[in-house]
Amino acid sequence: MSDPSPERGALAPGAPTPFGRHSVVRTVVANPVTALLVQRALVMEVAHPAVAAGVEHHSRFRARPLSRAWVTADAAVRLVFGGDDVARGAARQIYRVHDRIHGDIPGDTDHGPPGAVPAGYSAHDAALLTWVWATLVDTAETAFTRWVRPFGPLEAEAFYDEMRSFARFLGIPDPMLPAGRGEFGRYLEDVIGGGALGSSEVSRRVARQVLWYRHWSVPAPVVRLERVLALATVDPRLLDALDLRPSASDAALGSRIDAALIRHYRRVPHLPAVLPALYLALRRPSIGLSGRLGGIG
């Protein structure tokens, strides 16, 4: 099993909260269209066999989708829009949940270089935390710059710098993080092209469960909307590795919705970014992270 020691990932958040009043990340996350790529981020996450094994062994998302979605959304609002005490409290609760997420990876990994996939996993493993963080960076930027507007001259660097600060706040050691946007692009390329992603049957099974999710409480059209946009925007090499084959109708629908969002979404009046602050002001202390937290955990 991966070493969960502080050298692999801090067990308590100690860095300053990264998002100030004029945060670019807050601007991005406050835009509701970014939520349309939640499935994309989840598929990227579980493509890693260690993450998929953790979801397989510990997640309740299949049985309790609404409570899982609520807990995750609540945590995101607290971490991104909360003040120091609120964000730090959410991070500490994440660490307490992560304390019990560890185990062995099934021996069904069928390709990838030797040593690319460890024998076990821990939610405190800094390498796994870095990959999950990277999927959020890439997905949030993809949604915002694709459908809302391109980043301004200084926004791209500010967005990445804030996300690096966020990673450090969540306990990922600074040396694990790509130093700049160029290095981040090379990190993504190395991981996606490295042969480990999609190399286990667990990864392929959980990715299909995410994209073709079925539960009485979640309307099928909502699942399909997220699915077709995920399939339209995720790296095709990852789809191949996960053996994901969108139907002709899904591919066509995804292309149409993506094109319509590119053409028209930026003209839609957007809700003010004060709504997350209003939510936090009205939120009862008992709501939120009582369940399992983190992605689809």
C-alpha atoms as a PDB file:
ATOM      1  CA  MET A   1       0.000   0.000   0.000  1.00  0.00           C
ATOM      2  CA  SER A   2       1.179   3.535  -0.704  1.00  0.00           C
ATOM      3  CA  ASP A   3       2.913   5.336   2.117  1.00  0.00           C
ATOM      4  CA  PRO A   4       0.510   7.854   3.718  1.00  0.00           C
ATOM      5  CA  SER A   5       3.262   9.625   5.674  1.00  0.00           C
ATOM      6  CA  PRO A   6       3.566  13.431   5.697  1.00  0.00           C
ATOM      7  CA  GLU A   7       6.316  13.142   3.096  1.00  0.00           C
ATOM      8  CA  ARG A   8       3.692  11.788   0.692  1.00  0.00           C
ATOM      9  CA  GLY A   9       0.980  14.244   1.718  1.00  0.00           C
ATOM     10  CA  ALA A  10       0.338  16.408   4.736  1.00  0.00           C
ATOM     11  CA  LEU A  11      -2.291  15.167   7.162  1.00  0.00           C
ATOM     12  CA  ALA A  12      -3.526  18.644   8.137  1.00  0.00           C
ATOM     13  CA  PRO A  13      -3.921  21.823   6.094  1.00  0.00           C
ATOM     14  CA  GLY A  14      -1.451  24.472   7.161  1.00  0.00           C
ATOM     15  CA  ALA A  15      -1.054  26.792   4.192  1.00  0.00           C
ATOM     16  CA  PRO A  16      -3.039  30.035   3.982  1.00  0.00           C
ATOM     17  CA  THR A  17      -6.432  29.852   2.293  1.00  0.00           C
ATOM     18  CA  PRO A  18      -5.701  30.626  -1.363  1.00  0.00           C
ATOM     19  CA  PHE A  19      -8.774  32.484  -2.628  1.00  0.00           C
ATOM     20  CA  GLY A  20      -9.238  36.177  -1.991  1.00  0.00           C
ATOM     21  CA  ARG A  21     -11.959  38.616  -2.887  1.00  0.00           C
ATOM     22  CA  HIS A  22     -10.777  39.009  -6.494  1.00  0.00           C
ATOM     23  CA  SER A  23      -9.886  35.354  -7.036  1.00  0.00           C
ATOM     24  CA  VAL A  24      -9.949  34.070 -10.627  1.00  0.00           C
ATOM     25  CA  VAL A  25     -10.808  30.591  -9.342  1.00  0.00           C
ATOM     26  CA  ARG A  26     -13.861  32.003  -7.579  1.00  0.00           C
ATOM     27  CA  THR A  27     -14.921  33.640 -10.850  1.00  0.00           C
ATOM     28  CA  VAL A  28     -14.565  30.328 -12.675  1.00  0.00           C
ATOM     29  CA  VAL A  29     -16.296  28.146 -10.089  1.00  0.00           C
ATOM     30  CA  ALA A  30     -19.145  30.607  -9.541  1.00  0.00           C
ATOM     31  CA  ASN A  31     -20.157  30.157 -13.173  1.00  0.00           C
ATOM     32  CA  PRO A  32     -22.760  27.340 -13.254  1.00  0.00           C
ATOM     33  CA  VAL A  33     -21.698  26.027 -16.669  1.00  0.00           C
ATOM     34  CA  THR A  34     -18.564  24.542 -15.112  1.00  0.00           C
ATOM     35  CA  ALA A  35     -20.794  21.981 -13.378  1.00  0.00           C
ATOM     36  CA  LEU A  36     -21.608  20.465 -16.787  1.00  0.00           C
ATOM     37  CA  LEU A  37     -18.181  18.809 -16.852  1.00  0.00           C
ATOM     38  CA  VAL A  38     -18.368  17.073 -13.481  1.00  0.00           C
ATOM     39  CA  GLN A  39     -18.490  13.663 -15.185  1.00  0.00           C
ATOM     40  CA  ARG A  40     -15.418  14.592 -17.226  1.00  0.00           C
ATOM     41  CA  ALA A  41     -13.375  15.243 -14.088  1.00  0.00           C
ATOM     42  CA  LEU A  42     -14.641  12.050 -12.440  1.00  0.00           C
ATOM     43  CA  VAL A  43     -13.774   9.913 -15.457  1.00  0.00           C
ATOM     44  CA  MET A  44     -10.265  11.374 -15.526  1.00  0.00           C
ATOM     45  CA  GLU A  45      -9.887  10.666 -11.807  1.00  0.00           C
ATOM     46  CA  VAL A  46     -11.021   7.040 -11.883  1.00  0.00           C
ATOM     47  CA  ALA A  47      -8.950   6.319 -14.969  1.00  0.00           C
ATOM     48  CA  HIS A  48      -6.123   5.951 -12.458  1.00  0.00           C
ATOM     49  CA  PRO A  49      -6.365   2.374 -11.114  1.00  0.00           C
ATOM     50  CA  ALA A  50      -5.560   3.423  -7.544  1.00  0.00           C
ATOM     51  CA  VAL A  51      -8.290   6.076  -7.492  1.00  0.00           C
ATOM     52  CA  ALA A  52     -10.751   3.662  -9.088  1.00  0.00           C
ATOM     53  CA  ALA A  53      -9.963   1.031  -6.461  1.00  0.00           C
ATOM     54  CA  GLY A  54     -10.628   3.549  -3.704  1.00  0.00           C
ATOM     55  CA  VAL A  55     -13.982   4.435  -5.251  1.00  0.00           C
ATOM     56  CA  GLU A  56     -14.851   0.768  -5.764  1.00  0.00           C
ATOM     57  CA  HIS A  57     -14.099  -0.115  -2.155  1.00  0.00           C
ATOM     58  CA  HIS A  58     -15.297   2.961  -0.287  1.00  0.00           C
ATOM     59  CA  SER A  59     -17.751   4.992  -2.346  1.00  0.00           C
ATOM     60  CA  ARG A  60     -21.501   5.215  -1.818  1.00  0.00           C
ATOM     61  CA  PHE A  61     -22.202   7.220  -4.961  1.00  0.00           C
ATOM     62  CA  ARG A  62     -24.083   4.347  -6.629  1.00  0.00           C
ATOM     63  CA  ALA A  63     -26.553   3.937  -3.754  1.00  0.00           C
ATOM     64  CA  ARG A  64     -26.805   7.526  -2.482  1.00  0.00           C
ATOM     65  CA  PRO A  65     -26.192   9.863  -5.426  1.00  0.00           C
ATOM     66  CA  LEU A  66     -28.078  12.900  -4.157  1.00  0.00           C
ATOM     67  CA  SER A  67     -26.471  12.935  -0.713  1.00  0.00           C
ATOM     68  CA  ARG A  68     -23.057  12.416  -2.301  1.00  0.00           C
ATOM     69  CA  ALA A  69     -23.631  15.276  -4.752  1.00  0.00           C
ATOM     70  CA  TRP A  70     -24.818  17.533  -1.923  1.00  0.00           C
ATOM     71  CA  VAL A  71     -21.839  16.754   0.315  1.00  0.00           C
ATOM     72  CA  THR A  72     -19.374  17.333  -2.532  1.00  0.00           C
ATOM     73  CA  ALA A  73     -20.996  20.599  -3.611  1.00  0.00           C
ATOM     74  CA  ASP A  74     -21.151  21.811  -0.017  1.00  0.00           C
ATOM     75  CA  ALA A  75     -17.459  21.056   0.460  1.00  0.00           C
ATOM     76  CA  ALA A  76     -16.533  22.842  -2.763  1.00  0.00           C
ATOM     77  CA  VAL A  77     -18.407  25.989  -1.741  1.00  0.00           C
ATOM     78  CA  ARG A  78     -16.820  25.986   1.702  1.00  0.00           C
ATOM     79  CA  LEU A  79     -13.317  25.451   0.354  1.00  0.00           C
ATOM     80  CA  VAL A  80     -13.472  27.989  -2.472  1.00  0.00           C
ATOM     81  CA  PHE A  81     -15.759  30.687  -1.067  1.00  0.00           C
ATOM     82  CA  GLY A  82     -15.407  30.257   2.682  1.00  0.00           C
ATOM     83  CA  GLY A  83     -13.247  32.374   4.928  1.00  0.00           C
ATOM     84  CA  ASP A  84     -10.186  30.977   6.622  1.00  0.00           C
ATOM     85  CA  ASP A  85     -12.004  29.131   9.415  1.00  0.00           C
ATOM     86  CA  VAL A  86     -14.714  27.731   7.123  1.00  0.00           C
ATOM     87  CA  ALA A  87     -12.285  26.486   4.466  1.00  0.00           C
ATOM     88  CA  ARG A  88      -9.882  25.077   7.028  1.00  0.00           C
ATOM     89  CA  GLY A  89     -12.713  23.248   8.786  1.00  0.00           C
ATOM     90  CA  ALA A  90     -13.807  21.654   5.507  1.00  0.00           C
ATOM     91  CA  ALA A  91     -10.234  20.603   4.735  1.00  0.00           C
ATOM     92  CA  ARG A  92      -9.793  19.007   8.169  1.00  0.00           C
ATOM     93  CA  GLN A  93     -12.957  16.986   7.677  1.00  0.00           C
ATOM     94  CA  ILE A  94     -11.685  15.815   4.288  1.00  0.00           C
ATOM     95  CA  TYR A  95      -8.512  14.558   5.955  1.00  0.00           C
ATOM     96  CA  ARG A  96     -10.500  12.681   8.589  1.00  0.00           C
ATOM     97  CA  VAL A  97     -12.462  10.924   5.846  1.00  0.00           C
ATOM     98  CA  HIS A  98      -9.248  10.186   3.932  1.00  0.00           C
ATOM     99  CA  ASP A  99      -7.781   8.516   7.031  1.00  0.00           C
ATOM    100  CA  ARG A 100      -9.979   5.460   6.423  1.00  0.00           C
ATOM    101  CA  ILE A 101      -9.607   5.273   2.641  1.00  0.00           C
ATOM    102  CA  HIS A 102      -6.825   2.804   1.902  1.00  0.00           C
ATOM    103  CA  GLY A 103      -6.527  -0.726   0.596  1.00  0.00           C
ATOM    104  CA  ASP A 104      -5.119  -3.015  -2.044  1.00  0.00           C
ATOM    105  CA  ILE A 105      -5.476  -2.638  -5.800  1.00  0.00           C
ATOM    106  CA  PRO A 106      -6.891  -5.726  -7.576  1.00  0.00           C
ATOM    107  CA  GLY A 107      -4.271  -7.478  -9.675  1.00  0.00           C
ATOM    108  CA  ASP A 108      -5.999  -6.890 -13.013  1.00  0.00           C
ATOM    109  CA  THR A 109      -3.772  -4.142 -14.401  1.00  0.00           C
ATOM    110  CA  ASP A 110      -3.065  -5.224 -17.946  1.00  0.00           C
ATOM    111  CA  HIS A 111      -0.621  -2.674 -19.305  1.00  0.00           C
ATOM    112  CA  GLY A 112       1.620   0.219 -18.453  1.00  0.00           C
ATOM    113  CA  PRO A 113       5.282   0.397 -17.497  1.00  0.00           C
ATOM    114  CA  PRO A 114       6.523  -1.591 -14.504  1.00  0.00           C
ATOM    115  CA  GLY A 115       5.850   0.263 -11.273  1.00  0.00           C
ATOM    116  CA  ALA A 116       3.401   2.706 -12.866  1.00  0.00           C
ATOM    117  CA  VAL A 117       0.560   1.352 -10.724  1.00  0.00           C
ATOM    118  CA  PRO A 118       1.288   0.692  -7.030  1.00  0.00           C
ATOM    119  CA  ALA A 119       0.127  -2.434  -5.221  1.00  0.00           C
ATOM    120  CA  GLY A 120      -2.089  -0.437  -2.881  1.00  0.00           C
ATOM    121  CA  TYR A 121      -3.625   2.963  -2.410  1.00  0.00           C
ATOM    122  CA  SER A 122      -4.121   5.582   0.285  1.00  0.00           C
ATOM    123  CA  ALA A 123      -6.197   8.746   0.041  1.00  0.00           C
ATOM    124  CA  HIS A 124      -3.230  10.541   1.641  1.00  0.00           C
ATOM    125  CA  ASP A 125      -0.853   9.519  -1.158  1.00  0.00           C
ATOM    126  CA  ALA A 126       0.446  12.818  -2.543  1.00  0.00           C
ATOM    127  CA  ALA A 127       0.871  11.415  -6.064  1.00  0.00           C
ATOM    128  CA  LEU A 128      -2.806  10.407  -6.199  1.00  0.00           C
ATOM    129  CA  LEU A 129      -3.892  13.714  -4.674  1.00  0.00           C
ATOM    130  CA  THR A 130      -1.864  15.507  -7.332  1.00  0.00           C
ATOM    131  CA  TRP A 131      -3.621  13.620 -10.111  1.00  0.00           C
ATOM    132  CA  VAL A 132      -7.092  14.328  -8.691  1.00  0.00           C
ATOM    133  CA  TRP A 133      -6.142  18.006  -8.292  1.00  0.00           C
ATOM    134  CA  ALA A 134      -4.882  18.090 -11.900  1.00  0.00           C
ATOM    135  CA  THR A 135      -8.214  16.773 -13.210  1.00  0.00           C
ATOM    136  CA  LEU A 136      -9.980  19.661 -11.449  1.00  0.00           C
ATOM    137  CA  VAL A 137      -7.551  22.255 -12.823  1.00  0.00           C
ATOM    138  CA  ASP A 138      -7.885  20.976 -16.381  1.00  0.00           C
ATOM    139  CA  THR A 139     -11.660  20.504 -16.262  1.00  0.00           C
ATOM    140  CA  ALA A 140     -12.485  23.874 -14.690  1.00  0.00           C
ATOM    141  CA  GLU A 141     -10.303  25.712 -17.182  1.00  0.00           C
ATOM    142  CA  THR A 142     -11.725  23.714 -20.098  1.00  0.00           C
ATOM    143  CA  ALA A 143     -15.337  24.525 -19.177  1.00  0.00           C
ATOM    144  CA  PHE A 144     -14.728  28.218 -18.530  1.00  0.00           C
ATOM    145  CA  THR A 145     -12.510  29.030 -21.496  1.00  0.00           C
ATOM    146  CA  ARG A 146     -14.539  26.869 -23.889  1.00  0.00           C
ATOM    147  CA  TRP A 147     -18.015  28.163 -23.047  1.00  0.00           C
ATOM    148  CA  VAL A 148     -17.757  31.386 -21.042  1.00  0.00           C
ATOM    149  CA  ARG A 149     -14.786  33.331 -22.407  1.00  0.00           C
ATOM    150  CA  PRO A 150     -11.035  33.043 -22.867  1.00  0.00           C
ATOM    151  CA  PHE A 151      -8.875  34.010 -19.929  1.00  0.00           C
ATOM    152  CA  GLY A 152      -7.553  37.564 -19.989  1.00  0.00           C
ATOM    153  CA  PRO A 153      -3.812  38.265 -20.339  1.00  0.00           C
ATOM    154  CA  LEU A 154      -3.086  37.802 -16.632  1.00  0.00           C
ATOM    155  CA  GLU A 155      -5.952  35.498 -15.678  1.00  0.00           C
ATOM    156  CA  ALA A 156      -4.468  32.251 -16.961  1.00  0.00           C
ATOM    157  CA  GLU A 157      -1.376  32.546 -14.785  1.00  0.00           C
ATOM    158  CA  ALA A 158      -3.409  33.794 -11.824  1.00  0.00           C
ATOM    159  CA  PHE A 159      -5.827  30.860 -12.145  1.00  0.00           C
ATOM    160  CA  TYR A 160      -2.983  28.350 -12.140  1.00  0.00           C
ATOM    161  CA  ASP A 161      -1.117  30.050  -9.299  1.00  0.00           C
ATOM    162  CA  GLU A 162      -4.279  30.031  -7.172  1.00  0.00           C
ATOM    163  CA  MET A 163      -4.884  26.370  -7.931  1.00  0.00           C
ATOM    164  CA  ARG A 164      -1.312  25.563  -6.882  1.00  0.00           C
ATOM    165  CA  SER A 165      -1.937  27.416  -3.610  1.00  0.00           C
ATOM    166  CA  PHE A 166      -5.145  25.422  -3.221  1.00  0.00           C
ATOM    167  CA  ALA A 167      -3.209  22.177  -3.685  1.00  0.00           C
ATOM    168  CA  ARG A 168      -0.732  23.201  -1.003  1.00  0.00           C
ATOM    169  CA  PHE A 169      -3.627  24.140   1.284  1.00  0.00           C
ATOM    170  CA  LEU A 170      -4.982  20.610   0.851  1.00  0.00           C
ATOM    171  CA  GLY A 171      -1.621  19.182   1.873  1.00  0.00           C
ATOM    172  CA  ILE A 172       0.050  18.353  -1.433  1.00  0.00           C
ATOM    173  CA  PRO A 173       3.788  19.064  -1.066  1.00  0.00           C
ATOM    174  CA  ASP A 174       4.978  21.885  -3.301  1.00  0.00           C
ATOM    175  CA  PRO A 175       7.660  19.754  -5.073  1.00  0.00           C
ATOM    176  CA  MET A 176       4.885  17.467  -6.353  1.00  0.00           C
ATOM    177  CA  LEU A 177       3.161  20.329  -8.179  1.00  0.00           C
ATOM    178  CA  PRO A 178       4.120  21.460 -11.694  1.00  0.00           C
ATOM    179  CA  ALA A 179       5.740  24.872 -11.251  1.00  0.00           C
ATOM    180  CA  GLY A 180       3.932  26.644 -14.097  1.00  0.00           C
ATOM    181  CA  ARG A 181       1.350  26.185 -16.811  1.00  0.00           C
ATOM    182  CA  GLY A 182       3.894  24.799 -19.254  1.00  0.00           C
ATOM    183  CA  GLU A 183       5.065  22.228 -16.734  1.00  0.00           C
ATOM    184  CA  PHE A 184       1.441  21.393 -15.942  1.00  0.00           C
ATOM    185  CA  GLY A 185       0.761  20.673 -19.605  1.00  0.00           C
ATOM    186  CA  ARG A 186       3.767  18.358 -19.720  1.00  0.00           C
ATOM    187  CA  TYR A 187       2.600  16.633 -16.524  1.00  0.00           C
ATOM    188  CA  LEU A 188      -0.817  15.944 -18.071  1.00  0.00           C
ATOM    189  CA  GLU A 189       0.817  14.672 -21.239  1.00  0.00           C
ATOM    190  CA  ASP A 190       3.136  12.371 -19.286  1.00  0.00           C
ATOM    191  CA  VAL A 191       0.310  10.895 -17.200  1.00  0.00           C
ATOM    192  CA  ILE A 192      -2.196  10.504 -20.032  1.00  0.00           C
ATOM    193  CA  GLY A 193       0.428   9.029 -22.336  1.00  0.00           C
ATOM    194  CA  GLY A 194       2.190   6.989 -19.654  1.00  0.00           C
ATOM    195  CA  GLY A 195       0.113   3.817 -19.957  1.00  0.00           C
ATOM    196  CA  ALA A 196      -1.195   3.604 -16.385  1.00  0.00           C
ATOM    197  CA  LEU A 197      -4.549   5.334 -16.910  1.00  0.00           C
ATOM    198  CA  GLY A 198      -7.300   2.929 -17.881  1.00  0.00           C
ATOM    199  CA  SER A 199      -5.041  -0.059 -17.294  1.00  0.00           C
ATOM    200  CA  SER A 200      -7.357  -1.908 -14.887  1.00  0.00           C
ATOM    201  CA  GLU A 201     -10.779  -3.404 -15.292  1.00  0.00           C
ATOM    202  CA  VAL A 202     -11.821  -1.529 -12.148  1.00  0.00           C
ATOM    203  CA  SER A 203     -11.018   1.783 -13.878  1.00  0.00           C
ATOM    204  CA  ARG A 204     -12.995   0.813 -16.947  1.00  0.00           C
ATOM    205  CA  ARG A 205     -15.945  -0.458 -14.907  1.00  0.00           C
ATOM    206  CA  VAL A 206     -16.166   2.594 -12.629  1.00  0.00           C
ATOM    207  CA  ALA A 207     -15.805   4.996 -15.568  1.00  0.00           C
ATOM    208  CA  ARG A 208     -18.758   3.307 -17.288  1.00  0.00           C
ATOM    209  CA  GLN A 209     -20.764   3.492 -14.058  1.00  0.00           C
ATOM    210  CA  VAL A 210     -20.106   7.231 -13.881  1.00  0.00           C
ATOM    211  CA  LEU A 211     -21.051   7.926 -17.493  1.00  0.00           C
ATOM    212  CA  TRP A 212     -24.013   5.572 -17.769  1.00  0.00           C
ATOM    213  CA  TYR A 213     -25.245   6.061 -14.229  1.00  0.00           C
ATOM    214  CA  ARG A 214     -28.684   4.705 -13.332  1.00  0.00           C
ATOM    215  CA  HIS A 215     -30.623   5.547 -10.197  1.00  0.00           C
ATOM    216  CA  TRP A 216     -34.289   6.374  -9.725  1.00  0.00           C
ATOM    217  CA  SER A 217     -33.456   9.730  -8.109  1.00  0.00           C
ATOM    218  CA  VAL A 218     -31.294  11.051 -10.966  1.00  0.00           C
ATOM    219  CA  PRO A 219     -33.136  11.873 -14.217  1.00  0.00           C
ATOM    220  CA  ALA A 220     -31.669  10.021 -17.190  1.00  0.00           C
ATOM    221  CA  PRO A 221     -31.553  13.194 -19.380  1.00  0.00           C
ATOM    222  CA  VAL A 222     -29.304  14.880 -16.790  1.00  0.00           C
ATOM    223  CA  VAL A 223     -26.929  11.913 -16.806  1.00  0.00           C
ATOM    224  CA  ARG A 224     -26.908  11.898 -20.603  1.00  0.00           C
ATOM    225  CA  LEU A 225     -26.209  15.634 -20.838  1.00  0.00           C
ATOM    226  CA  GLU A 226     -23.152  15.290 -18.595  1.00  0.00           C
ATOM    227  CA  ARG A 227     -22.089  12.109 -20.401  1.00  0.00           C
ATOM    228  CA  VAL A 228     -22.158  13.507 -23.915  1.00  0.00           C
ATOM    229  CA  LEU A 229     -20.234  16.635 -22.884  1.00  0.00           C
ATOM    230  CA  ALA A 230     -17.653  14.548 -21.041  1.00  0.00           C
ATOM    231  CA  LEU A 231     -17.190  12.305 -24.078  1.00  0.00           C
ATOM    232  CA  ALA A 232     -16.924  15.376 -26.330  1.00  0.00           C
ATOM    233  CA  THR A 233     -14.202  17.062 -24.273  1.00  0.00           C
ATOM    234  CA  VAL A 234     -12.045  14.392 -22.640  1.00  0.00           C
ATOM    235  CA  ASP A 235      -8.764  13.406 -24.313  1.00  0.00           C
ATOM    236  CA  PRO A 236      -9.521  10.726 -26.969  1.00  0.00           C
ATOM    237  CA  ARG A 237      -6.526   8.684 -25.772  1.00  0.00           C
ATOM    238  CA  LEU A 238      -8.201   8.352 -22.392  1.00  0.00           C
ATOM    239  CA  LEU A 239     -11.414   7.161 -24.008  1.00  0.00           C
ATOM    240  CA  ASP A 240      -9.425   4.523 -25.876  1.00  0.00           C
ATOM    241  CA  ALA A 241      -7.609   3.410 -22.724  1.00  0.00           C
ATOM    242  CA  LEU A 242     -10.913   3.102 -20.851  1.00  0.00           C
ATOM    243  CA  ASP A 243     -12.574   1.338 -23.787  1.00  0.00           C
ATOM    244  CA  LEU A 244     -15.326   3.951 -23.868  1.00  0.00           C
ATOM    245  CA  ARG A 245     -17.261   3.912 -27.102  1.00  0.00           C
ATOM    246  CA  PRO A 246     -19.933   6.616 -27.315  1.00  0.00           C
ATOM    247  CA  SER A 247     -22.900   5.716 -29.459  1.00  0.00           C
ATOM    248  CA  ALA A 248     -23.448   7.615 -32.690  1.00  0.00           C
ATOM    249  CA  SER A 249     -26.412   9.423 -31.140  1.00  0.00           C
ATOM    250  CA  ASP A 250     -24.407  10.413 -28.040  1.00  0.00           C
ATOM    251  CA  ALA A 251     -21.524  11.669 -30.191  1.00  0.00           C
ATOM    252  CA  ALA A 252     -23.878  13.719 -32.363  1.00  0.00           C
ATOM    253  CA  LEU A 253     -25.753  15.156 -29.383  1.00  0.00           C
ATOM    254  CA  GLY A 254     -22.516  16.059 -27.629  1.00  0.00           C
ATOM    255  CA  SER A 255     -21.248  17.891 -30.697  1.00  0.00           C
ATOM    256  CA  ARG A 256     -24.499  19.842 -31.037  1.00  0.00           C
ATOM    257  CA  ILE A 257     -24.664  20.878 -27.382  1.00  0.00           C
ATOM    258  CA  ASP A 258     -20.981  21.782 -27.289  1.00  0.00           C
ATOM    259  CA  ALA A 259     -21.314  23.927 -30.406  1.00  0.00           C
ATOM    260  CA  ALA A 260     -24.434  25.628 -29.047  1.00  0.00           C
ATOM    261  CA  LEU A 261     -22.722  26.432 -25.755  1.00  0.00           C
ATOM    262  CA  ILE A 262     -19.688  27.844 -27.590  1.00  0.00           C
ATOM    263  CA  ARG A 263     -21.930  30.082 -29.713  1.00  0.00           C
ATOM    264  CA  HIS A 264     -24.545  31.198 -27.232  1.00  0.00           C
ATOM    265  CA  TYR A 265     -23.682  30.661 -23.582  1.00  0.00           C
ATOM    266  CA  ARG A 266     -21.572  33.774 -23.148  1.00  0.00           C
ATOM    267  CA  ARG A 267     -24.632  35.848 -24.104  1.00  0.00           C
ATOM    268  CA  VAL A 268     -26.741  34.434 -21.273  1.00  0.00           C
ATOM    269  CA  PRO A 269     -27.034  36.703 -18.196  1.00  0.00           C
ATOM    270  CA  HIS A 270     -25.073  35.073 -15.404  1.00  0.00           C
ATOM    271  CA  LEU A 271     -26.096  34.774 -11.798  1.00  0.00           C
ATOM    272  CA  PRO A 272     -24.108  36.987  -9.443  1.00  0.00           C
ATOM    273  CA  ALA A 273     -21.144  35.479  -7.631  1.00  0.00           C
ATOM    274  CA  VAL A 274     -22.661  36.561  -4.312  1.00  0.00           C
ATOM    275  CA  LEU A 275     -24.843  33.425  -4.263  1.00  0.00           C
ATOM    276  CA  PRO A 276     -22.119  31.199  -2.740  1.00  0.00           C
ATOM    277  CA  ALA A 277     -21.621  33.786   0.004  1.00  0.00           C
ATOM    278  CA  LEU A 278     -25.378  33.816   0.625  1.00  0.00           C
ATOM    279  CA  TYR A 279     -25.391  30.018   0.833  1.00  0.00           C
ATOM    280  CA  LEU A 280     -22.591  30.077   3.398  1.00  0.00           C
ATOM    281  CA  ALA A 281     -24.411  32.716   5.430  1.00  0.00           C
ATOM    282  CA  LEU A 282     -27.589  30.607   5.546  1.00  0.00           C
ATOM    283  CA  ARG A 283     -25.912  27.232   5.882  1.00  0.00           C
ATOM    284  CA  ARG A 284     -26.528  25.401   9.146  1.00  0.00           C
ATOM    285  CA  PRO A 285     -23.336  24.085  10.813  1.00  0.00           C
ATOM    286  CA  SER A 286     -24.765  20.555  10.857  1.00  0.00           C
ATOM    287  CA  ILE A 287     -25.103  20.413   7.080  1.00  0.00           C
ATOM    288  CA  GLY A 288     -22.374  19.048   4.913  1.00  0.00           C
ATOM    289  CA  LEU A 289     -19.445  16.812   5.518  1.00  0.00           C
ATOM    290  CA  SER A 290     -20.992  14.198   7.762  1.00  0.00           C
ATOM    291  CA  GLY A 291     -20.679  11.590   5.053  1.00  0.00           C
ATOM    292  CA  ARG A 292     -17.854  10.430   2.852  1.00  0.00           C
ATOM    293  CA  LEU A 293     -16.223  13.172   0.886  1.00  0.00           C
ATOM    294  CA  GLY A 294     -14.080  13.751  -2.144  1.00  0.00           C
ATOM    295  CA  GLY A 295     -15.052  13.246  -5.770  1.00  0.00           C
ATOM    296  CA  ILE A 296     -17.463  10.333  -5.798  1.00  0.00           C
ATOM    297  CA  GLY A 297     -16.225   8.833  -2.547  1.00  0.00           C
END
